[in-house]
Amino acid sequence: MRFVLQPVDPTLQPIQNRSRMLIDEKIAQKATVETITRLDWWNDKLLTFRTTRPQGYSFAAGQYARLGLPDDNMPIWRAYSMTSAPDQDFLEFYGVIVPGGLFTNRLKALKEGDTILVDKQSFGFMTPDRFEDGDDLWMFATGTGIGPFISMLRDGYVWKKFHNLILVHGVRHAEEFAYVDELTKLAQQPPSTGQARLLFVRSLTREQTASHDPLMLHGRVTTLLNDGILENATGLPITESSSRIMMCGNPEMIEDMRRILHQRGLRPCRRALPGQFVTENYW
């Protein structure tokens, strides 16, 4: 599957070809054609894929890209958070194949060497520089919402800014955990360039495990927070003064988290008013 953006002879089928030229010109103005360089499947639904990086493409850890795949005349566009760090020479993304999904059905068919459109602009405001202060950075994710936090942990900024990094990843089944080896290694051997340590908390909602890891929990992340289980497991209380919180996942989790945090006196970050948490729906 490859994109080909090239001039069309306007003397052949004039109306159709001129329309095709206008579409191609519009796409070329807003996006570049990049190549799939790697695909890794975590299971039959979850995959990580890499593309070449457009020349001059800039983003901050936590932001997302708009990716396009062909559908007749016009591409289908979807938002995907970068899991790669801003200084890496490729772009990496993490996603789930949705049954019947227009975009993901095409994504599933891709192989190395195929092409994909990448919007020239990066998007999103869920970046750690939104916080002016704080000692502990809590990162709550459900499902593929872990993506932007992988990018942050591969970047040096959060390791230098905070003292404790707590990643909480909730899924239904254990096979849905991704990046476990990399995250476990970061927890055991933090980058020498920073001051922070990483606590990697996993939570299952649909099955039990016999793990002896004290940070392998069971239940919805919102329930674990509301009942104090998360704070007991990590030894870190969530407070207005020390905690800064980022949430990425399904809207129900985000809404419940916002309610819990508001009850504790924490407020969202605003442009003119510093706060303690930022959110991004990932659905």
C-alpha atoms as a PDB file:
ATOM      1  CA  MET A   1       0.000   0.000   0.000  1.00  0.00           C
ATOM      2  CA  ARG A   2       1.720   3.152  -1.178  1.00  0.00           C
ATOM      3  CA  PHE A   3       0.830   6.796  -1.634  1.00  0.00           C
ATOM      4  CA  VAL A   4       1.842   8.355  -4.939  1.00  0.00           C
ATOM      5  CA  LEU A   5       1.455  12.124  -5.133  1.00  0.00           C
ATOM      6  CA  GLN A   6       2.380  13.183  -8.629  1.00  0.00           C
ATOM      7  CA  PRO A   7       1.107  15.479 -11.428  1.00  0.00           C
ATOM      8  CA  VAL A   8      -1.672  14.094 -13.606  1.00  0.00           C
ATOM      9  CA  ASP A   9      -2.022  14.878 -17.319  1.00  0.00           C
ATOM     10  CA  PRO A  10      -4.903  17.394 -17.345  1.00  0.00           C
ATOM     11  CA  THR A  11      -5.729  16.646 -21.003  1.00  0.00           C
ATOM     12  CA  LEU A  12      -6.995  13.167 -20.106  1.00  0.00           C
ATOM     13  CA  GLN A  13     -10.423  13.014 -18.506  1.00  0.00           C
ATOM     14  CA  PRO A  14     -10.116  16.738 -17.664  1.00  0.00           C
ATOM     15  CA  ILE A  15     -12.633  17.086 -14.823  1.00  0.00           C
ATOM     16  CA  GLN A  16     -11.600  13.921 -12.982  1.00  0.00           C
ATOM     17  CA  ASN A  17      -7.881  14.502 -13.361  1.00  0.00           C
ATOM     18  CA  ARG A  18      -8.018  18.160 -12.362  1.00  0.00           C
ATOM     19  CA  SER A  19      -9.946  17.154  -9.253  1.00  0.00           C
ATOM     20  CA  ARG A  20      -7.294  14.531  -8.509  1.00  0.00           C
ATOM     21  CA  MET A  21      -4.558  17.140  -8.953  1.00  0.00           C
ATOM     22  CA  LEU A  22      -6.253  19.500  -6.501  1.00  0.00           C
ATOM     23  CA  ILE A  23      -6.598  16.714  -3.931  1.00  0.00           C
ATOM     24  CA  ASP A  24      -2.945  15.699  -4.304  1.00  0.00           C
ATOM     25  CA  GLU A  25      -1.785  19.307  -4.048  1.00  0.00           C
ATOM     26  CA  LYS A  26      -3.842  19.846  -0.909  1.00  0.00           C
ATOM     27  CA  ILE A  27      -2.441  16.685   0.697  1.00  0.00           C
ATOM     28  CA  ALA A  28       1.138  17.622  -0.256  1.00  0.00           C
ATOM     29  CA  GLN A  29       0.697  21.025   1.397  1.00  0.00           C
ATOM     30  CA  LYS A  30      -0.319  19.570   4.759  1.00  0.00           C
ATOM     31  CA  ALA A  31       1.418  16.181   4.942  1.00  0.00           C
ATOM     32  CA  THR A  32       4.467  14.200   3.924  1.00  0.00           C
ATOM     33  CA  VAL A  33       4.627  10.645   2.636  1.00  0.00           C
ATOM     34  CA  GLU A  34       6.617   8.486   5.054  1.00  0.00           C
ATOM     35  CA  THR A  35       7.658   4.848   4.991  1.00  0.00           C
ATOM     36  CA  ILE A  36       6.761   2.116   7.459  1.00  0.00           C
ATOM     37  CA  THR A  37      10.100   0.793   8.731  1.00  0.00           C
ATOM     38  CA  ARG A  38       9.005  -1.593  11.484  1.00  0.00           C
ATOM     39  CA  LEU A  39       5.907  -3.329  12.848  1.00  0.00           C
ATOM     40  CA  ASP A  40       5.799  -5.242  16.142  1.00  0.00           C
ATOM     41  CA  TRP A  41       2.656  -7.054  17.226  1.00  0.00           C
ATOM     42  CA  TRP A  42       2.068  -7.451  20.968  1.00  0.00           C
ATOM     43  CA  ASN A  43      -0.902  -9.719  20.264  1.00  0.00           C
ATOM     44  CA  ASP A  44      -3.443 -10.033  17.439  1.00  0.00           C
ATOM     45  CA  LYS A  45      -4.878  -6.555  18.145  1.00  0.00           C
ATOM     46  CA  LEU A  46      -2.101  -4.388  19.581  1.00  0.00           C
ATOM     47  CA  LEU A  47       0.866  -3.193  17.570  1.00  0.00           C
ATOM     48  CA  THR A  48       3.739  -0.764  17.602  1.00  0.00           C
ATOM     49  CA  PHE A  49       4.845   0.658  14.278  1.00  0.00           C
ATOM     50  CA  ARG A  50       7.623   2.981  13.176  1.00  0.00           C
ATOM     51  CA  THR A  51       7.903   5.352  10.253  1.00  0.00           C
ATOM     52  CA  THR A  52      10.579   7.522   8.791  1.00  0.00           C
ATOM     53  CA  ARG A  53      10.612  10.977  10.333  1.00  0.00           C
ATOM     54  CA  PRO A  54       9.788  13.968   8.115  1.00  0.00           C
ATOM     55  CA  GLN A  55      12.616  16.415   7.726  1.00  0.00           C
ATOM     56  CA  GLY A  56      12.207  19.249  10.215  1.00  0.00           C
ATOM     57  CA  TYR A  57       9.335  17.531  12.038  1.00  0.00           C
ATOM     58  CA  SER A  58       9.128  18.801  15.626  1.00  0.00           C
ATOM     59  CA  PHE A  59       7.102  17.621  18.592  1.00  0.00           C
ATOM     60  CA  ALA A  60       7.168  17.514  22.383  1.00  0.00           C
ATOM     61  CA  ALA A  61       6.807  14.300  24.364  1.00  0.00           C
ATOM     62  CA  GLY A  62       3.091  13.824  24.988  1.00  0.00           C
ATOM     63  CA  GLN A  63       1.916  15.248  21.673  1.00  0.00           C
ATOM     64  CA  TYR A  64       0.252  13.344  18.854  1.00  0.00           C
ATOM     65  CA  ALA A  65       0.412  13.173  15.069  1.00  0.00           C
ATOM     66  CA  ARG A  66      -2.313  12.896  12.457  1.00  0.00           C
ATOM     67  CA  LEU A  67      -1.733   9.893  10.230  1.00  0.00           C
ATOM     68  CA  GLY A  68      -3.432   9.233   6.910  1.00  0.00           C
ATOM     69  CA  LEU A  69      -4.125   6.061   4.919  1.00  0.00           C
ATOM     70  CA  PRO A  70      -5.761   5.918   1.470  1.00  0.00           C
ATOM     71  CA  ASP A  71      -9.477   5.465   0.875  1.00  0.00           C
ATOM     72  CA  ASP A  72     -10.449   5.995  -2.761  1.00  0.00           C
ATOM     73  CA  ASN A  73      -9.716   9.678  -3.455  1.00  0.00           C
ATOM     74  CA  MET A  74      -9.310  11.066   0.044  1.00  0.00           C
ATOM     75  CA  PRO A  75      -7.155   9.758   2.926  1.00  0.00           C
ATOM     76  CA  ILE A  76      -8.637   8.622   6.230  1.00  0.00           C
ATOM     77  CA  TRP A  77      -6.996  10.540   9.087  1.00  0.00           C
ATOM     78  CA  ARG A  78      -6.557   9.434  12.685  1.00  0.00           C
ATOM     79  CA  ALA A  79      -4.659  10.812  15.689  1.00  0.00           C
ATOM     80  CA  TYR A  80      -1.844   8.736  17.201  1.00  0.00           C
ATOM     81  CA  SER A  81       0.410   9.777  20.059  1.00  0.00           C
ATOM     82  CA  MET A  82       4.117   9.452  19.480  1.00  0.00           C
ATOM     83  CA  THR A  83       5.814   6.834  21.646  1.00  0.00           C
ATOM     84  CA  SER A  84       9.211   7.803  20.266  1.00  0.00           C
ATOM     85  CA  ALA A  85      11.256  10.469  22.025  1.00  0.00           C
ATOM     86  CA  PRO A  86      11.564  13.905  20.409  1.00  0.00           C
ATOM     87  CA  ASP A  87      15.274  13.379  19.696  1.00  0.00           C
ATOM     88  CA  GLN A  88      14.934  10.012  17.933  1.00  0.00           C
ATOM     89  CA  ASP A  89      15.305   9.920  14.150  1.00  0.00           C
ATOM     90  CA  PHE A  90      12.096   7.932  13.590  1.00  0.00           C
ATOM     91  CA  LEU A  91       8.476   8.220  14.648  1.00  0.00           C
ATOM     92  CA  GLU A  92       6.897   5.413  16.651  1.00  0.00           C
ATOM     93  CA  PHE A  93       3.232   4.819  17.453  1.00  0.00           C
ATOM     94  CA  TYR A  94       1.198   2.341  19.500  1.00  0.00           C
ATOM     95  CA  GLY A  95      -2.312   1.370  18.518  1.00  0.00           C
ATOM     96  CA  VAL A  96      -5.145  -1.133  18.651  1.00  0.00           C
ATOM     97  CA  ILE A  97      -6.958  -2.726  15.725  1.00  0.00           C
ATOM     98  CA  VAL A  98     -10.654  -1.890  16.045  1.00  0.00           C
ATOM     99  CA  PRO A  99     -12.945  -4.454  14.377  1.00  0.00           C
ATOM    100  CA  GLY A 100     -14.545  -2.800  11.372  1.00  0.00           C
ATOM    101  CA  GLY A 101     -12.480   0.371  11.824  1.00  0.00           C
ATOM    102  CA  LEU A 102     -11.941   2.244   8.566  1.00  0.00           C
ATOM    103  CA  PHE A 103      -8.418   3.275   9.502  1.00  0.00           C
ATOM    104  CA  THR A 104      -7.243   0.311  11.533  1.00  0.00           C
ATOM    105  CA  ASN A 105      -8.419  -2.262   8.963  1.00  0.00           C
ATOM    106  CA  ARG A 106      -6.007  -0.599   6.550  1.00  0.00           C
ATOM    107  CA  LEU A 107      -3.352  -0.277   9.249  1.00  0.00           C
ATOM    108  CA  LYS A 108      -3.549  -4.006   9.909  1.00  0.00           C
ATOM    109  CA  ALA A 109      -2.716  -4.728   6.272  1.00  0.00           C
ATOM    110  CA  LEU A 110       0.445  -2.613   6.239  1.00  0.00           C
ATOM    111  CA  LYS A 111       3.890  -4.129   5.965  1.00  0.00           C
ATOM    112  CA  GLU A 112       7.405  -2.748   6.066  1.00  0.00           C
ATOM    113  CA  GLY A 113       8.078  -0.595   3.035  1.00  0.00           C
ATOM    114  CA  ASP A 114       4.495   0.630   2.706  1.00  0.00           C
ATOM    115  CA  THR A 115       3.796   4.331   3.029  1.00  0.00           C
ATOM    116  CA  ILE A 116       1.653   6.478   5.298  1.00  0.00           C
ATOM    117  CA  LEU A 117       0.831  10.176   5.435  1.00  0.00           C
ATOM    118  CA  VAL A 118       2.073  12.236   8.390  1.00  0.00           C
ATOM    119  CA  ASP A 119       0.607  15.687   8.941  1.00  0.00           C
ATOM    120  CA  LYS A 120       3.380  18.276   9.012  1.00  0.00           C
ATOM    121  CA  GLN A 121       2.057  19.694  12.296  1.00  0.00           C
ATOM    122  CA  SER A 122       2.115  18.009  15.698  1.00  0.00           C
ATOM    123  CA  PHE A 123      -0.820  18.432  18.062  1.00  0.00           C
ATOM    124  CA  GLY A 124      -1.806  18.288  21.708  1.00  0.00           C
ATOM    125  CA  PHE A 125      -1.248  20.048  25.017  1.00  0.00           C
ATOM    126  CA  MET A 126      -0.731  17.111  27.391  1.00  0.00           C
ATOM    127  CA  THR A 127       2.945  17.820  27.933  1.00  0.00           C
ATOM    128  CA  PRO A 128       4.856  17.833  31.235  1.00  0.00           C
ATOM    129  CA  ASP A 129       5.976  21.430  30.826  1.00  0.00           C
ATOM    130  CA  ARG A 130       2.394  22.424  31.671  1.00  0.00           C
ATOM    131  CA  PHE A 131       3.390  22.026  35.323  1.00  0.00           C
ATOM    132  CA  GLU A 132       5.366  24.792  36.961  1.00  0.00           C
ATOM    133  CA  ASP A 133       6.302  22.782  40.046  1.00  0.00           C
ATOM    134  CA  GLY A 134       5.679  19.517  41.874  1.00  0.00           C
ATOM    135  CA  ASP A 135       7.769  16.602  43.139  1.00  0.00           C
ATOM    136  CA  ASP A 136       5.785  13.586  41.895  1.00  0.00           C
ATOM    137  CA  LEU A 137       4.465  13.043  38.375  1.00  0.00           C
ATOM    138  CA  TRP A 138       1.596  10.550  38.261  1.00  0.00           C
ATOM    139  CA  MET A 139       0.784   9.178  34.790  1.00  0.00           C
ATOM    140  CA  PHE A 140      -2.537   7.333  34.598  1.00  0.00           C
ATOM    141  CA  ALA A 141      -3.307   5.352  31.440  1.00  0.00           C
ATOM    142  CA  THR A 142      -5.840   2.827  30.280  1.00  0.00           C
ATOM    143  CA  GLY A 143      -5.280   0.659  27.196  1.00  0.00           C
ATOM    144  CA  THR A 144      -3.321   2.347  24.423  1.00  0.00           C
ATOM    145  CA  GLY A 145      -3.445   5.593  26.410  1.00  0.00           C
ATOM    146  CA  ILE A 146      -0.007   4.612  27.694  1.00  0.00           C
ATOM    147  CA  GLY A 147       1.473   5.821  24.390  1.00  0.00           C
ATOM    148  CA  PRO A 148       2.327   9.440  25.263  1.00  0.00           C
ATOM    149  CA  PHE A 149       3.862   8.355  28.569  1.00  0.00           C
ATOM    150  CA  ILE A 150       6.266   6.036  26.765  1.00  0.00           C
ATOM    151  CA  SER A 151       7.495   9.075  24.845  1.00  0.00           C
ATOM    152  CA  MET A 152       7.886  11.085  28.060  1.00  0.00           C
ATOM    153  CA  LEU A 153       9.853   8.336  29.780  1.00  0.00           C
ATOM    154  CA  ARG A 154      12.154   8.028  26.773  1.00  0.00           C
ATOM    155  CA  ASP A 155      12.814  11.758  26.992  1.00  0.00           C
ATOM    156  CA  GLY A 156      15.097  13.310  29.577  1.00  0.00           C
ATOM    157  CA  TYR A 157      12.828  16.159  30.672  1.00  0.00           C
ATOM    158  CA  VAL A 158      10.642  14.385  33.262  1.00  0.00           C
ATOM    159  CA  TRP A 159      13.627  12.574  34.788  1.00  0.00           C
ATOM    160  CA  LYS A 160      15.262  15.919  35.543  1.00  0.00           C
ATOM    161  CA  LYS A 161      12.146  17.857  36.578  1.00  0.00           C
ATOM    162  CA  PHE A 162      10.557  15.451  39.083  1.00  0.00           C
ATOM    163  CA  HIS A 163      11.726  13.236  41.941  1.00  0.00           C
ATOM    164  CA  ASN A 164       9.190  10.425  41.514  1.00  0.00           C
ATOM    165  CA  LEU A 165       7.579   9.200  38.306  1.00  0.00           C
ATOM    166  CA  ILE A 166       4.595   6.916  38.836  1.00  0.00           C
ATOM    167  CA  LEU A 167       3.146   5.209  35.758  1.00  0.00           C
ATOM    168  CA  VAL A 168      -0.191   3.482  36.371  1.00  0.00           C
ATOM    169  CA  HIS A 169      -1.403   1.351  33.456  1.00  0.00           C
ATOM    170  CA  GLY A 170      -4.801  -0.323  33.599  1.00  0.00           C
ATOM    171  CA  VAL A 171      -5.968  -3.007  31.152  1.00  0.00           C
ATOM    172  CA  ARG A 172      -8.482  -5.838  31.154  1.00  0.00           C
ATOM    173  CA  HIS A 173      -6.195  -8.800  30.443  1.00  0.00           C
ATOM    174  CA  ALA A 174      -2.484  -9.333  31.039  1.00  0.00           C
ATOM    175  CA  GLU A 175      -1.809  -9.841  27.322  1.00  0.00           C
ATOM    176  CA  GLU A 176      -2.755  -6.191  26.801  1.00  0.00           C
ATOM    177  CA  PHE A 177       0.269  -4.896  28.706  1.00  0.00           C
ATOM    178  CA  ALA A 178       2.906  -3.480  26.374  1.00  0.00           C
ATOM    179  CA  TYR A 179       6.433  -2.109  26.787  1.00  0.00           C
ATOM    180  CA  VAL A 180       6.741  -4.087  30.040  1.00  0.00           C
ATOM    181  CA  ASP A 181      10.408  -5.075  29.590  1.00  0.00           C
ATOM    182  CA  GLU A 182      11.461  -1.529  28.738  1.00  0.00           C
ATOM    183  CA  LEU A 183       9.511   0.006  31.611  1.00  0.00           C
ATOM    184  CA  THR A 184      10.713  -2.578  34.106  1.00  0.00           C
ATOM    185  CA  LYS A 185      14.297  -1.851  33.115  1.00  0.00           C
ATOM    186  CA  LEU A 186      13.736   1.896  33.522  1.00  0.00           C
ATOM    187  CA  ALA A 187      12.313   1.271  36.992  1.00  0.00           C
ATOM    188  CA  GLN A 188      15.334  -0.825  37.936  1.00  0.00           C
ATOM    189  CA  GLN A 189      17.962   1.320  36.197  1.00  0.00           C
ATOM    190  CA  PRO A 190      16.837   4.964  35.859  1.00  0.00           C
ATOM    191  CA  PRO A 191      18.717   7.152  33.371  1.00  0.00           C
ATOM    192  CA  SER A 192      21.868   8.565  34.913  1.00  0.00           C
ATOM    193  CA  THR A 193      21.093  12.020  33.507  1.00  0.00           C
ATOM    194  CA  GLY A 194      18.162  12.595  35.870  1.00  0.00           C
ATOM    195  CA  GLN A 195      17.280  12.538  39.539  1.00  0.00           C
ATOM    196  CA  ALA A 196      13.963  10.701  39.420  1.00  0.00           C
ATOM    197  CA  ARG A 197      12.956   7.110  40.064  1.00  0.00           C
ATOM    198  CA  LEU A 198      10.152   5.274  38.255  1.00  0.00           C
ATOM    199  CA  LEU A 199       7.399   3.247  39.921  1.00  0.00           C
ATOM    200  CA  PHE A 200       5.649   1.082  37.332  1.00  0.00           C
ATOM    201  CA  VAL A 201       2.172   0.079  38.500  1.00  0.00           C
ATOM    202  CA  ARG A 202      -0.002  -2.318  36.505  1.00  0.00           C
ATOM    203  CA  SER A 203      -3.644  -3.121  37.124  1.00  0.00           C
ATOM    204  CA  LEU A 204      -5.953  -5.802  35.721  1.00  0.00           C
ATOM    205  CA  THR A 205      -9.745  -5.592  35.729  1.00  0.00           C
ATOM    206  CA  ARG A 206     -10.827  -8.886  34.145  1.00  0.00           C
ATOM    207  CA  GLU A 207      -8.431 -11.506  35.497  1.00  0.00           C
ATOM    208  CA  GLN A 208      -6.288 -12.397  38.487  1.00  0.00           C
ATOM    209  CA  THR A 209      -2.567 -13.124  38.421  1.00  0.00           C
ATOM    210  CA  ALA A 210      -0.260 -14.919  40.807  1.00  0.00           C
ATOM    211  CA  SER A 211       2.376 -12.195  40.530  1.00  0.00           C
ATOM    212  CA  HIS A 212       4.425 -11.408  43.632  1.00  0.00           C
ATOM    213  CA  ASP A 213       5.051  -7.873  42.355  1.00  0.00           C
ATOM    214  CA  PRO A 214       3.563  -5.494  44.968  1.00  0.00           C
ATOM    215  CA  LEU A 215       2.849  -3.036  42.143  1.00  0.00           C
ATOM    216  CA  MET A 216       0.704  -5.526  40.204  1.00  0.00           C
ATOM    217  CA  LEU A 217      -2.812  -4.660  41.322  1.00  0.00           C
ATOM    218  CA  HIS A 218      -6.357  -5.656  40.453  1.00  0.00           C
ATOM    219  CA  GLY A 219      -9.267  -3.323  39.822  1.00  0.00           C
ATOM    220  CA  ARG A 220     -10.037  -0.119  37.981  1.00  0.00           C
ATOM    221  CA  VAL A 221      -7.409   2.554  38.456  1.00  0.00           C
ATOM    222  CA  THR A 222     -10.093   4.958  39.661  1.00  0.00           C
ATOM    223  CA  THR A 223     -11.196   2.499  42.334  1.00  0.00           C
ATOM    224  CA  LEU A 224      -7.604   1.893  43.386  1.00  0.00           C
ATOM    225  CA  LEU A 225      -7.113   5.625  43.751  1.00  0.00           C
ATOM    226  CA  ASN A 226     -10.394   6.279  45.515  1.00  0.00           C
ATOM    227  CA  ASP A 227      -9.799   3.481  48.021  1.00  0.00           C
ATOM    228  CA  GLY A 228      -6.231   4.561  48.784  1.00  0.00           C
ATOM    229  CA  ILE A 229      -4.740   1.330  47.432  1.00  0.00           C
ATOM    230  CA  LEU A 230      -2.489   3.089  44.913  1.00  0.00           C
ATOM    231  CA  GLU A 231      -0.999   5.409  47.500  1.00  0.00           C
ATOM    232  CA  ASN A 232      -0.409   2.543  49.909  1.00  0.00           C
ATOM    233  CA  ALA A 233       1.268   0.447  47.204  1.00  0.00           C
ATOM    234  CA  THR A 234       3.593   3.227  46.098  1.00  0.00           C
ATOM    235  CA  GLY A 235       4.115   4.877  49.466  1.00  0.00           C
ATOM    236  CA  LEU A 236       3.345   8.241  47.905  1.00  0.00           C
ATOM    237  CA  PRO A 237       0.279  10.303  48.822  1.00  0.00           C
ATOM    238  CA  ILE A 238      -1.437  12.405  46.185  1.00  0.00           C
ATOM    239  CA  THR A 239      -1.481  15.967  47.459  1.00  0.00           C
ATOM    240  CA  GLU A 240      -2.067  19.407  46.016  1.00  0.00           C
ATOM    241  CA  SER A 241       1.435  20.569  46.863  1.00  0.00           C
ATOM    242  CA  SER A 242       3.553  17.658  45.646  1.00  0.00           C
ATOM    243  CA  SER A 243       1.554  15.743  43.027  1.00  0.00           C
ATOM    244  CA  ARG A 244       1.161  16.545  39.356  1.00  0.00           C
ATOM    245  CA  ILE A 245      -1.111  14.242  37.418  1.00  0.00           C
ATOM    246  CA  MET A 246      -1.569  13.338  33.766  1.00  0.00           C
ATOM    247  CA  MET A 247      -4.365  11.105  32.521  1.00  0.00           C
ATOM    248  CA  CYS A 248      -4.789   9.499  29.128  1.00  0.00           C
ATOM    249  CA  GLY A 249      -7.391   6.885  28.329  1.00  0.00           C
ATOM    250  CA  ASN A 250     -11.080   6.266  27.869  1.00  0.00           C
ATOM    251  CA  PRO A 251     -13.455   9.135  28.680  1.00  0.00           C
ATOM    252  CA  GLU A 252     -15.136   7.288  31.554  1.00  0.00           C
ATOM    253  CA  MET A 253     -11.828   6.903  33.377  1.00  0.00           C
ATOM    254  CA  ILE A 254     -10.954  10.544  32.737  1.00  0.00           C
ATOM    255  CA  GLU A 255     -14.292  11.787  34.060  1.00  0.00           C
ATOM    256  CA  ASP A 256     -14.105   9.628  37.196  1.00  0.00           C
ATOM    257  CA  MET A 257     -10.528  10.735  37.842  1.00  0.00           C
ATOM    258  CA  ARG A 258     -11.444  14.383  37.491  1.00  0.00           C
ATOM    259  CA  ARG A 259     -14.236  13.955  40.015  1.00  0.00           C
ATOM    260  CA  ILE A 260     -11.961  12.227  42.528  1.00  0.00           C
ATOM    261  CA  LEU A 261      -9.232  14.819  42.155  1.00  0.00           C
ATOM    262  CA  HIS A 262     -11.679  17.720  42.465  1.00  0.00           C
ATOM    263  CA  GLN A 263     -12.926  16.187  45.720  1.00  0.00           C
ATOM    264  CA  ARG A 264      -9.342  16.239  46.968  1.00  0.00           C
ATOM    265  CA  GLY A 265      -8.935  19.909  46.137  1.00  0.00           C
ATOM    266  CA  LEU A 266      -6.877  19.485  42.969  1.00  0.00           C
ATOM    267  CA  ARG A 267      -7.755  21.436  39.841  1.00  0.00           C
ATOM    268  CA  PRO A 268      -6.953  21.221  36.120  1.00  0.00           C
ATOM    269  CA  CYS A 269      -4.223  23.286  34.520  1.00  0.00           C
ATOM    270  CA  ARG A 270      -5.487  26.358  32.705  1.00  0.00           C
ATOM    271  CA  ARG A 271      -3.582  28.798  30.552  1.00  0.00           C
ATOM    272  CA  ALA A 272      -3.842  31.578  33.088  1.00  0.00           C
ATOM    273  CA  LEU A 273      -4.084  29.441  36.217  1.00  0.00           C
ATOM    274  CA  PRO A 274      -1.590  26.746  37.208  1.00  0.00           C
ATOM    275  CA  GLY A 275      -3.160  23.496  38.345  1.00  0.00           C
ATOM    276  CA  GLN A 276      -2.328  19.946  39.322  1.00  0.00           C
ATOM    277  CA  PHE A 277      -3.639  17.792  36.460  1.00  0.00           C
ATOM    278  CA  VAL A 278      -4.063  17.570  32.696  1.00  0.00           C
ATOM    279  CA  THR A 279      -6.073  15.067  30.671  1.00  0.00           C
ATOM    280  CA  GLU A 280      -6.435  13.627  27.198  1.00  0.00           C
ATOM    281  CA  ASN A 281      -9.212  11.345  26.001  1.00  0.00           C
ATOM    282  CA  TYR A 282      -7.848   8.414  24.007  1.00  0.00           C
ATOM    283  CA  TRP A 283     -10.738   6.566  22.506  1.00  0.00           C
END
